[in-house]
Amino acid sequence: MTYCRTIHFSDTDAAGVVYFAALLSICHEAYENALQVAGIDLKTFFKSSNIAIPIIHADIDFYQPLFCGDHIQINLTPIQSNETEFEINYQIFYENNLDKLIAKAITKHVSINPKIRKRSPLPSSIIRWLQSSRENK
């Protein structure tokens, strides 16, 4: 799965370089976009009172800086870890140079019942998304 985006001024810090948390936020945009493309209604998905899928770990490595106006492509690969968890691996490239890795990130997600704050199986819509991602690899 891919997601393309232009870096905005608001993504940068005082030095004019993309702030690490901003790129993680952009990766989250890519995740949301992938869910939408898979036919998952985000409004319903994130509003559910029966299930929540918080991020329990995030990690990012930069290999070179990004600046306002840069055009990037994010390749994301979701992988199911077990019945309650999945992770998404992100690779960030310049849109016009897919041979040079700019950054990579990972987010780990867990499915919980928000009422009792206990793990619960991943919802069927996420399972289908993970399976289709694996098949389209």
Protein backbone atom coordinates (compact mmCIF):
# COMPACT_ATOMS: atom_id res chain seq x y z
CA MET A 1 0.00 0.00 0.00
CA THR A 2 1.23 3.48 -0.76
CA TYR A 3 0.34 6.99 0.34
CA CYS A 4 1.70 10.14 -1.26
CA ARG A 5 1.88 13.53 0.43
CA THR A 6 3.60 16.89 0.27
CA ILE A 7 5.42 18.08 3.38
CA HIS A 8 3.75 21.22 4.77
CA PHE A 9 5.34 24.10 6.65
CA SER A 10 3.35 23.05 9.73
CA ASP A 11 5.17 19.67 9.65
CA THR A 12 8.53 21.35 10.28
CA ASP A 13 10.30 22.65 13.36
CA ALA A 14 12.10 25.97 13.91
CA ALA A 15 15.05 24.71 11.85
CA GLY A 16 12.74 24.04 8.89
CA VAL A 17 13.12 20.25 9.15
CA VAL A 18 10.28 17.77 9.62
CA TYR A 19 9.78 17.15 13.31
CA PHE A 20 9.87 13.44 14.24
CA ALA A 21 6.35 13.46 15.72
CA ALA A 22 5.02 15.12 12.57
CA LEU A 23 6.32 12.28 10.41
CA LEU A 24 4.73 9.75 12.76
CA SER A 25 1.49 11.69 12.36
CA ILE A 26 1.87 11.52 8.58
CA CYS A 27 2.40 7.76 8.88
CA HIS A 28 -0.87 7.63 10.82
CA GLU A 29 -2.53 9.50 7.92
CA ALA A 30 -1.24 6.74 5.64
CA TYR A 31 -2.77 4.12 7.98
CA GLU A 32 -6.13 5.90 7.98
CA ASN A 33 -6.01 6.20 4.20
CA ALA A 34 -5.28 2.47 3.84
CA LEU A 35 -8.30 1.67 6.02
CA GLN A 36 -10.51 3.93 3.88
CA VAL A 37 -9.24 2.38 0.65
CA ALA A 38 -10.16 -1.02 2.15
CA GLY A 39 -13.74 0.20 2.60
CA ILE A 40 -13.63 0.80 6.34
CA ASP A 41 -15.80 3.76 7.41
CA LEU A 42 -13.43 5.76 9.61
CA LYS A 43 -16.15 7.69 11.40
CA THR A 44 -17.80 4.49 12.56
CA PHE A 45 -14.51 2.67 13.15
CA PHE A 46 -12.95 5.28 15.44
CA LYS A 47 -16.24 6.08 17.17
CA SER A 48 -17.04 2.51 18.23
CA SER A 49 -17.71 2.06 21.93
CA ASN A 50 -17.06 -1.70 21.75
CA ILE A 51 -13.54 -1.64 20.38
CA ALA A 52 -10.51 0.63 20.45
CA ILE A 53 -7.18 0.05 18.75
CA PRO A 54 -4.58 2.24 20.48
CA ILE A 55 -0.97 2.41 19.43
CA ILE A 56 1.18 0.75 22.10
CA HIS A 57 4.57 1.38 20.50
CA ALA A 58 5.99 3.73 17.87
CA ASP A 59 9.51 3.99 16.53
CA ILE A 60 11.04 6.07 13.76
CA ASP A 61 14.49 6.34 12.19
CA PHE A 62 15.55 9.17 9.90
CA TYR A 63 18.29 8.76 7.29
CA GLN A 64 18.08 12.29 5.94
CA PRO A 65 16.02 15.43 6.64
CA LEU A 66 12.72 16.36 5.00
CA PHE A 67 11.74 19.95 4.24
CA CYS A 68 8.62 21.91 3.38
CA GLY A 69 7.60 21.20 -0.23
CA ASP A 70 9.19 17.75 -0.41
CA HIS A 71 6.95 15.16 -2.06
CA ILE A 72 7.05 11.81 -0.30
CA GLN A 73 5.67 8.33 -0.80
CA ILE A 74 4.99 6.10 2.19
CA ASN A 75 4.89 2.36 1.62
CA LEU A 76 3.10 0.66 4.47
CA THR A 77 2.93 -3.01 5.31
CA PRO A 78 0.55 -4.15 8.06
CA ILE A 79 1.28 -7.50 9.72
CA GLN A 80 -0.90 -9.35 12.21
CA SER A 81 1.11 -10.38 15.29
CA ASN A 82 -1.57 -12.39 17.11
CA GLU A 83 -5.35 -12.33 17.66
CA THR A 84 -5.24 -8.94 19.46
CA GLU A 85 -2.25 -7.14 17.86
CA PHE A 86 -0.87 -5.95 14.57
CA GLU A 87 1.98 -3.73 13.50
CA ILE A 88 2.52 -1.48 10.53
CA ASN A 89 5.92 -0.99 8.95
CA TYR A 90 6.37 2.27 7.05
CA GLN A 91 9.09 3.11 4.53
CA ILE A 92 9.31 6.76 3.48
CA PHE A 93 10.83 7.76 0.13
CA TYR A 94 10.95 10.83 -2.07
CA GLU A 95 8.10 10.42 -4.54
CA ASN A 96 10.49 10.79 -7.47
CA ASN A 97 13.28 8.60 -6.01
CA LEU A 98 12.01 5.30 -4.64
CA ASP A 99 15.55 3.92 -4.43
CA LYS A 100 16.61 6.14 -1.52
CA LEU A 101 15.02 5.42 1.86
CA ILE A 102 14.48 8.66 3.81
CA ALA A 103 13.03 7.19 6.98
CA LYS A 104 11.35 4.11 8.35
CA ALA A 105 8.84 3.74 11.14
CA ILE A 106 6.79 1.14 12.93
CA THR A 107 3.60 1.39 14.94
CA LYS A 108 2.22 -1.47 17.05
CA HIS A 109 -1.51 -1.59 17.74
CA VAL A 110 -3.61 -3.60 20.19
CA SER A 111 -7.33 -4.24 20.17
CA ILE A 112 -9.11 -3.60 23.46
CA ASN A 113 -12.60 -3.33 24.84
CA PRO A 114 -12.55 0.29 26.06
CA LYS A 115 -15.24 -0.29 28.68
CA ILE A 116 -13.24 -2.85 30.64
CA ARG A 117 -9.74 -1.95 29.33
CA LYS A 118 -8.94 -5.55 28.44
CA ARG A 119 -7.59 -7.01 25.22
CA SER A 120 -10.16 -8.31 22.75
CA PRO A 121 -9.84 -10.00 19.36
CA LEU A 122 -9.20 -7.75 16.40
CA PRO A 123 -12.44 -6.77 14.65
CA SER A 124 -13.33 -8.63 11.47
CA SER A 125 -12.85 -5.50 9.34
CA ILE A 126 -9.22 -5.23 10.50
CA ILE A 127 -8.65 -8.97 9.99
CA ARG A 128 -9.92 -8.64 6.39
CA TRP A 129 -7.68 -5.59 5.84
CA LEU A 130 -4.64 -7.45 7.19
CA GLN A 131 -5.40 -10.50 5.04
CA SER A 132 -5.90 -8.46 1.87
CA SER A 133 -2.66 -6.60 2.57
CA ARG A 134 -0.80 -9.90 2.86
CA GLU A 135 -2.39 -11.21 -0.37
CA ASN A 136 -1.53 -8.03 -2.31
CA LYS A 137 2.11 -8.16 -1.29
